[in-house]
Amino acid sequence: MPRALVDFETAMRWYQRQQPDVSDRFRRAVNDCIKRIAAAPRLWPRTEEGTRRAAVQRFPYGVFYVESSDKIHIAAIMHHRRHPDAWAGGFGQRFDEADDD
């Protein structure tokens, strides 16, 4: 299972336990964020790891991704307080080799 999906499902379960309607709002906010990324993938700046990070509106999460010539690869959906090393090392590569234009 892709890391971003694991991140998303973990956060959804946490919000579901806290308050079910908040989990629905979180799901919609993440989906909206991904749609914004798809519409304008180069809008967000690159991180030190070479990914880009788009903030999820109204939630303390970011969607980390890389774009290639024809695809967007979602690397992680991570709480802002987690250190990027928590997921970056799990991919066996850095993302700074992605297309820079």
N, C-alpha and C. Protein backbone atom coordinates (compact mmCIF):
# COMPACT_ATOMS: atom_id res chain seq x y z
N MET A 1 0.85 -1.18 0.00
CA MET A 1 0.00 0.00 0.00
C MET A 1 0.90 1.24 0.00
N PRO A 2 0.62 2.21 -0.84
CA PRO A 2 1.44 3.43 -0.90
C PRO A 2 1.44 4.17 0.44
N ARG A 3 2.59 4.76 0.74
CA ARG A 3 2.77 5.45 2.01
C ARG A 3 1.72 6.55 2.21
N ALA A 4 1.42 7.32 1.18
CA ALA A 4 0.45 8.41 1.32
C ALA A 4 -0.93 7.87 1.70
N LEU A 5 -1.30 6.73 1.17
CA LEU A 5 -2.59 6.14 1.51
C LEU A 5 -2.62 5.68 2.97
N VAL A 6 -1.51 5.11 3.43
CA VAL A 6 -1.41 4.71 4.84
C VAL A 6 -1.54 5.95 5.72
N ASP A 7 -0.83 7.02 5.36
CA ASP A 7 -0.92 8.27 6.13
C ASP A 7 -2.36 8.77 6.19
N PHE A 8 -3.02 8.79 5.03
CA PHE A 8 -4.38 9.29 4.94
C PHE A 8 -5.33 8.45 5.79
N GLU A 9 -5.25 7.14 5.65
CA GLU A 9 -6.14 6.26 6.41
C GLU A 9 -5.90 6.36 7.90
N THR A 10 -4.65 6.51 8.31
CA THR A 10 -4.33 6.67 9.73
C THR A 10 -4.97 7.94 10.28
N ALA A 11 -4.82 9.04 9.55
CA ALA A 11 -5.42 10.31 9.98
C ALA A 11 -6.94 10.21 9.99
N MET A 12 -7.52 9.57 8.99
CA MET A 12 -8.98 9.41 8.94
C MET A 12 -9.48 8.63 10.15
N ARG A 13 -8.79 7.56 10.51
CA ARG A 13 -9.20 6.78 11.68
C ARG A 13 -9.11 7.62 12.96
N TRP A 14 -8.05 8.42 13.09
CA TRP A 14 -7.90 9.27 14.27
C TRP A 14 -9.05 10.27 14.35
N TYR A 15 -9.34 10.96 13.24
CA TYR A 15 -10.44 11.92 13.24
C TYR A 15 -11.78 11.22 13.47
N GLN A 16 -11.96 10.04 12.95
CA GLN A 16 -13.21 9.29 13.14
C GLN A 16 -13.42 9.00 14.62
N ARG A 17 -12.36 8.64 15.33
CA ARG A 17 -12.47 8.37 16.77
C ARG A 17 -12.78 9.65 17.55
N GLN A 18 -12.25 10.77 17.10
CA GLN A 18 -12.45 12.04 17.79
C GLN A 18 -13.87 12.56 17.57
N GLN A 19 -14.24 12.65 16.31
CA GLN A 19 -15.55 13.20 15.94
C GLN A 19 -15.82 12.82 14.48
N PRO A 20 -16.79 11.94 14.23
CA PRO A 20 -17.01 11.43 12.87
C PRO A 20 -17.19 12.48 11.79
N ASP A 21 -17.89 13.56 12.07
CA ASP A 21 -18.09 14.56 11.02
C ASP A 21 -16.79 15.27 10.64
N VAL A 22 -15.84 15.32 11.56
CA VAL A 22 -14.54 15.94 11.26
C VAL A 22 -13.78 15.06 10.27
N SER A 23 -13.90 13.75 10.36
CA SER A 23 -13.22 12.88 9.41
C SER A 23 -13.73 13.12 7.99
N ASP A 24 -15.01 13.38 7.84
CA ASP A 24 -15.56 13.70 6.51
C ASP A 24 -15.00 15.02 5.99
N ARG A 25 -14.89 16.01 6.85
CA ARG A 25 -14.32 17.30 6.45
C ARG A 25 -12.84 17.14 6.07
N PHE A 26 -12.12 16.30 6.82
CA PHE A 26 -10.71 16.05 6.52
C PHE A 26 -10.59 15.39 5.14
N ARG A 27 -11.40 14.39 4.87
CA ARG A 27 -11.36 13.70 3.58
C ARG A 27 -11.61 14.69 2.43
N ARG A 28 -12.62 15.53 2.59
CA ARG A 28 -12.91 16.53 1.55
C ARG A 28 -11.76 17.52 1.40
N ALA A 29 -11.16 17.94 2.51
CA ALA A 29 -10.06 18.91 2.45
C ALA A 29 -8.85 18.32 1.74
N VAL A 30 -8.54 17.05 2.02
CA VAL A 30 -7.41 16.40 1.34
C VAL A 30 -7.72 16.25 -0.15
N ASN A 31 -8.92 15.83 -0.48
CA ASN A 31 -9.30 15.71 -1.90
C ASN A 31 -9.22 17.05 -2.61
N ASP A 32 -9.69 18.11 -1.96
CA ASP A 32 -9.61 19.45 -2.56
C ASP A 32 -8.15 19.86 -2.77
N CYS A 33 -7.30 19.55 -1.81
CA CYS A 33 -5.88 19.87 -1.93
C CYS A 33 -5.26 19.13 -3.12
N ILE A 34 -5.58 17.88 -3.28
CA ILE A 34 -5.04 17.10 -4.40
C ILE A 34 -5.55 17.66 -5.74
N LYS A 35 -6.78 18.10 -5.78
CA LYS A 35 -7.30 18.73 -7.00
C LYS A 35 -6.55 20.01 -7.33
N ARG A 36 -6.24 20.81 -6.29
CA ARG A 36 -5.47 22.04 -6.51
C ARG A 36 -4.07 21.70 -7.03
N ILE A 37 -3.47 20.66 -6.49
CA ILE A 37 -2.14 20.23 -6.95
C ILE A 37 -2.22 19.82 -8.42
N ALA A 38 -3.22 19.03 -8.77
CA ALA A 38 -3.36 18.56 -10.16
C ALA A 38 -3.56 19.73 -11.13
N ALA A 39 -4.26 20.76 -10.68
CA ALA A 39 -4.52 21.90 -11.55
C ALA A 39 -3.29 22.79 -11.74
N ALA A 40 -2.44 22.86 -10.74
CA ALA A 40 -1.26 23.74 -10.80
C ALA A 40 -0.13 23.15 -9.97
N PRO A 41 0.49 22.07 -10.43
CA PRO A 41 1.46 21.35 -9.60
C PRO A 41 2.71 22.15 -9.22
N ARG A 42 3.05 23.15 -9.97
CA ARG A 42 4.28 23.90 -9.67
C ARG A 42 4.02 25.14 -8.83
N LEU A 43 2.83 25.28 -8.34
CA LEU A 43 2.47 26.43 -7.52
C LEU A 43 3.19 26.43 -6.18
N TRP A 44 3.44 25.27 -5.61
CA TRP A 44 4.05 25.16 -4.29
C TRP A 44 5.55 24.97 -4.42
N PRO A 45 6.32 25.57 -3.50
CA PRO A 45 7.79 25.47 -3.58
C PRO A 45 8.30 24.08 -3.22
N ARG A 46 9.49 23.79 -3.68
CA ARG A 46 10.14 22.52 -3.34
C ARG A 46 10.66 22.57 -1.90
N THR A 47 10.64 21.40 -1.26
CA THR A 47 11.23 21.25 0.07
C THR A 47 12.70 20.89 -0.10
N GLU A 48 13.43 20.82 1.00
CA GLU A 48 14.84 20.41 0.94
C GLU A 48 15.00 19.01 0.38
N GLU A 49 13.98 18.16 0.55
CA GLU A 49 14.04 16.78 0.08
C GLU A 49 13.73 16.67 -1.41
N GLY A 50 13.31 17.78 -2.03
CA GLY A 50 13.01 17.76 -3.46
C GLY A 50 11.55 17.55 -3.79
N THR A 51 10.72 17.34 -2.77
CA THR A 51 9.28 17.24 -3.01
C THR A 51 8.69 18.64 -2.96
N ARG A 52 7.43 18.74 -3.25
CA ARG A 52 6.67 19.97 -3.03
C ARG A 52 5.65 19.66 -1.94
N ARG A 53 5.26 20.71 -1.18
CA ARG A 53 4.29 20.50 -0.11
C ARG A 53 3.16 21.50 -0.25
N ALA A 54 1.95 20.98 -0.36
CA ALA A 54 0.75 21.82 -0.39
C ALA A 54 0.01 21.63 0.93
N ALA A 55 -0.38 22.72 1.54
CA ALA A 55 -1.09 22.64 2.82
C ALA A 55 -2.55 22.21 2.59
N VAL A 56 -3.03 21.38 3.48
CA VAL A 56 -4.43 20.98 3.49
C VAL A 56 -5.19 22.06 4.26
N GLN A 57 -6.13 22.71 3.62
CA GLN A 57 -6.84 23.82 4.25
C GLN A 57 -7.64 23.34 5.46
N ARG A 58 -7.56 24.12 6.53
CA ARG A 58 -8.28 23.91 7.79
C ARG A 58 -7.79 22.73 8.61
N PHE A 59 -6.71 22.07 8.19
CA PHE A 59 -6.15 20.95 8.94
C PHE A 59 -4.63 21.10 8.97
N PRO A 60 -4.00 20.59 10.03
CA PRO A 60 -2.54 20.73 10.14
C PRO A 60 -1.78 19.64 9.37
N TYR A 61 -2.11 19.49 8.11
CA TYR A 61 -1.49 18.45 7.27
C TYR A 61 -0.98 19.07 5.98
N GLY A 62 0.01 18.41 5.41
CA GLY A 62 0.51 18.79 4.11
C GLY A 62 0.53 17.58 3.20
N VAL A 63 0.34 17.82 1.91
CA VAL A 63 0.44 16.78 0.90
C VAL A 63 1.79 16.98 0.21
N PHE A 64 2.67 16.01 0.35
CA PHE A 64 4.00 16.06 -0.25
C PHE A 64 3.96 15.29 -1.56
N TYR A 65 4.48 15.89 -2.62
CA TYR A 65 4.36 15.27 -3.93
C TYR A 65 5.52 15.68 -4.83
N VAL A 66 5.68 14.93 -5.90
CA VAL A 66 6.61 15.27 -6.98
C VAL A 66 5.84 15.17 -8.28
N GLU A 67 6.22 15.99 -9.23
CA GLU A 67 5.58 15.93 -10.53
C GLU A 67 6.59 15.45 -11.56
N SER A 68 6.11 14.65 -12.48
CA SER A 68 6.93 14.25 -13.61
C SER A 68 6.26 14.85 -14.84
N SER A 69 6.72 14.51 -16.01
CA SER A 69 6.16 15.12 -17.21
C SER A 69 4.68 14.83 -17.40
N ASP A 70 4.20 13.69 -16.90
CA ASP A 70 2.80 13.36 -17.13
C ASP A 70 2.03 12.88 -15.90
N LYS A 71 2.67 12.93 -14.71
CA LYS A 71 2.01 12.41 -13.51
C LYS A 71 2.36 13.24 -12.29
N ILE A 72 1.49 13.14 -11.30
CA ILE A 72 1.75 13.67 -9.97
C ILE A 72 1.88 12.45 -9.07
N HIS A 73 2.96 12.35 -8.31
CA HIS A 73 3.17 11.24 -7.39
C HIS A 73 3.03 11.78 -5.97
N ILE A 74 2.00 11.36 -5.26
CA ILE A 74 1.80 11.78 -3.87
C ILE A 74 2.71 10.90 -3.02
N ALA A 75 3.66 11.53 -2.34
CA ALA A 75 4.63 10.78 -1.54
C ALA A 75 4.14 10.56 -0.12
N ALA A 76 3.47 11.57 0.46
CA ALA A 76 3.02 11.46 1.85
C ALA A 76 1.94 12.49 2.11
N ILE A 77 1.11 12.17 3.09
CA ILE A 77 0.14 13.12 3.63
C ILE A 77 0.47 13.16 5.12
N MET A 78 1.10 14.25 5.54
CA MET A 78 1.76 14.23 6.84
C MET A 78 1.35 15.42 7.70
N HIS A 79 1.18 15.15 8.99
CA HIS A 79 0.91 16.21 9.96
C HIS A 79 2.09 17.17 9.99
N HIS A 80 1.82 18.45 10.14
CA HIS A 80 2.87 19.46 10.11
C HIS A 80 3.91 19.30 11.21
N ARG A 81 3.56 18.66 12.30
CA ARG A 81 4.52 18.50 13.39
C ARG A 81 5.46 17.32 13.22
N ARG A 82 5.19 16.47 12.26
CA ARG A 82 6.09 15.34 12.01
C ARG A 82 7.28 15.82 11.20
N HIS A 83 8.43 15.31 11.51
CA HIS A 83 9.66 15.67 10.79
C HIS A 83 9.67 14.94 9.46
N PRO A 84 10.07 15.62 8.37
CA PRO A 84 10.09 14.97 7.05
C PRO A 84 10.90 13.67 7.00
N ASP A 85 11.90 13.53 7.86
CA ASP A 85 12.67 12.29 7.89
C ASP A 85 11.82 11.09 8.27
N ALA A 86 10.65 11.35 8.87
CA ALA A 86 9.77 10.25 9.25
C ALA A 86 9.29 9.46 8.05
N TRP A 87 9.27 10.08 6.89
CA TRP A 87 8.83 9.36 5.69
C TRP A 87 9.85 9.37 4.58
N ALA A 88 10.67 10.39 4.47
CA ALA A 88 11.57 10.54 3.32
C ALA A 88 12.52 9.36 3.17
N GLY A 89 13.04 8.86 4.25
CA GLY A 89 13.99 7.76 4.16
C GLY A 89 13.37 6.45 3.72
N GLY A 90 12.06 6.34 3.85
CA GLY A 90 11.40 5.10 3.49
C GLY A 90 11.30 4.85 2.00
N PHE A 91 11.64 5.82 1.18
CA PHE A 91 11.52 5.66 -0.26
C PHE A 91 12.80 5.19 -0.91
N GLY A 92 13.91 5.18 -0.16
CA GLY A 92 15.16 4.70 -0.72
C GLY A 92 15.77 5.66 -1.73
N GLN A 93 15.24 6.85 -1.86
CA GLN A 93 15.79 7.83 -2.78
C GLN A 93 15.33 9.21 -2.37
N ARG A 94 16.05 10.20 -2.83
CA ARG A 94 15.60 11.57 -2.65
C ARG A 94 14.82 11.97 -3.88
N PHE A 95 13.99 12.96 -3.76
CA PHE A 95 13.16 13.38 -4.87
C PHE A 95 13.76 14.56 -5.61
N ASP A 96 14.97 14.98 -5.27
CA ASP A 96 15.53 16.17 -5.90
C ASP A 96 15.98 15.93 -7.33
N GLU A 97 15.82 14.73 -7.83
CA GLU A 97 16.14 14.46 -9.23
C GLU A 97 14.95 14.74 -10.13
N ALA A 98 13.83 15.13 -9.55
CA ALA A 98 12.63 15.42 -10.35
C ALA A 98 12.86 16.64 -11.23
N ASP A 99 12.07 16.74 -12.27
CA ASP A 99 12.16 17.83 -13.22
C ASP A 99 12.06 19.18 -12.52
N ASP A 100 13.01 20.08 -12.75
CA ASP A 100 13.08 21.35 -12.05
C ASP A 100 12.37 22.49 -12.73
N ASP A 101 11.87 22.37 -13.96
CA ASP A 101 11.30 23.56 -14.58
C ASP A 101 9.97 23.91 -14.08
